[in-house]
C-alpha atoms as a PDB file:
ATOM      1  CA  MET A   1       8.658  -4.497  -2.778  1.00  0.00           C
ATOM      2  CA  PRO A   2       7.351  -6.132  -5.923  1.00  0.00           C
ATOM      3  CA  GLY A   3       7.144  -3.897  -8.963  1.00  0.00           C
ATOM      4  CA  ASP A   4       8.785  -0.652  -9.946  1.00  0.00           C
ATOM      5  CA  PRO A   5       7.430   2.357  -8.007  1.00  0.00           C
ATOM      6  CA  THR A   6       8.735   4.719 -10.686  1.00  0.00           C
ATOM      7  CA  GLN A   7       6.391   3.046 -13.181  1.00  0.00           C
ATOM      8  CA  ASP A   8       3.530   2.087 -10.824  1.00  0.00           C
ATOM      9  CA  ILE A   9       3.160   4.125  -7.615  1.00  0.00           C
ATOM     10  CA  THR A  10       0.789   1.527  -6.164  1.00  0.00           C
ATOM     11  CA  ALA A  11       3.811  -0.759  -5.783  1.00  0.00           C
ATOM     12  CA  THR A  12       4.556   1.193  -2.590  1.00  0.00           C
ATOM     13  CA  GLU A  13       1.344  -0.267  -1.135  1.00  0.00           C
ATOM     14  CA  ARG A  14       2.694  -3.822  -1.471  1.00  0.00           C
ATOM     15  CA  VAL A  15       5.746  -3.707   0.805  1.00  0.00           C
ATOM     16  CA  SER A  16       6.931  -7.081   2.090  1.00  0.00           C
ATOM     17  CA  PHE A  17       9.995  -6.084   4.162  1.00  0.00           C
ATOM     18  CA  VAL A  18      10.374  -3.205   6.632  1.00  0.00           C
ATOM     19  CA  MET A  19      13.305  -2.541   8.957  1.00  0.00           C
ATOM     20  CA  LYS A  20      13.257   0.313  11.468  1.00  0.00           C
ATOM     21  CA  GLU A  21      16.185   1.206  13.701  1.00  0.00           C
ATOM     22  CA  GLY A  22      17.801  -2.162  12.970  1.00  0.00           C
ATOM     23  CA  LYS A  23      14.704  -4.160  13.927  1.00  0.00           C
ATOM     24  CA  ILE A  24      12.624  -6.107  11.433  1.00  0.00           C
ATOM     25  CA  ILE A  25       9.084  -4.751  11.565  1.00  0.00           C
ATOM     26  CA  ARG A  26       7.618  -6.745   8.690  1.00  0.00           C
ATOM     27  CA  ASN A  27       9.087  -9.730   6.899  1.00  0.00           C
ATOM     28  CA  GLY A  28       6.625 -11.654   4.800  1.00  0.00           C
ATOM     29  CA  PRO A  29       4.418 -11.563   1.763  1.00  0.00           C
ATOM     30  CA  ALA A  30       2.944  -8.257   0.771  1.00  0.00           C
ATOM     31  CA  THR A  31      -0.640  -7.732   1.827  1.00  0.00           C
ATOM     32  CA  SER A  32      -3.296  -6.468  -0.507  1.00  0.00           C
ATOM     33  CA  ALA A  33      -4.232  -2.826  -0.253  1.00  0.00           C
ATOM     34  CA  VAL A  34      -7.179  -2.222   2.051  1.00  0.00           C
ATOM     35  CA  LYS A  35      -9.546   0.623   1.319  1.00  0.00           C
ATOM     36  CA  THR A  36      -9.793   3.298   3.950  1.00  0.00           C
ATOM     37  CA  ALA A  37     -13.170   4.553   5.109  1.00  0.00           C
ATOM     38  CA  LYS A  38     -12.545   7.791   3.211  1.00  0.00           C
ATOM     39  CA  GLN A  39     -11.780   5.922  -0.033  1.00  0.00           C
ATOM     40  CA  SER A  40     -14.949   3.830   0.368  1.00  0.00           C
ATOM     41  CA  MET A  41     -17.051   6.947   0.971  1.00  0.00           C
ATOM     42  CA  LEU A  42     -15.610   8.672  -2.100  1.00  0.00           C
ATOM     43  CA  ASP A  43     -16.370   5.573  -4.194  1.00  0.00           C
ATOM     44  CA  GLU A  44     -19.988   5.578  -2.975  1.00  0.00           C
ATOM     45  CA  VAL A  45     -20.598   9.229  -3.883  1.00  0.00           C
ATOM     46  CA  GLY A  46     -18.782   8.869  -7.183  1.00  0.00           C
ATOM     47  CA  ALA A  47     -16.069  11.395  -6.406  1.00  0.00           C
ATOM     48  CA  ASP A  48     -13.404  11.433  -9.088  1.00  0.00           C
ATOM     49  CA  PHE A  49     -10.076  12.733  -7.752  1.00  0.00           C
END
C-alpha cells in the first residue's frame, strides 16, 4: 500500500496487494477511490461529517 496509513488514513483505500488464505486476491496497481452512492448523496446535499 503506498503511503503511511498512520499519517494518512486514505492510504488504506489504495491497496495494491491482497492475499487471503494463501491465495493472491489482488496483485497490481492501486485503483483510485470510487465514491459510493451514499458519499455522492451527502456531497449533493452539502452534509459535512
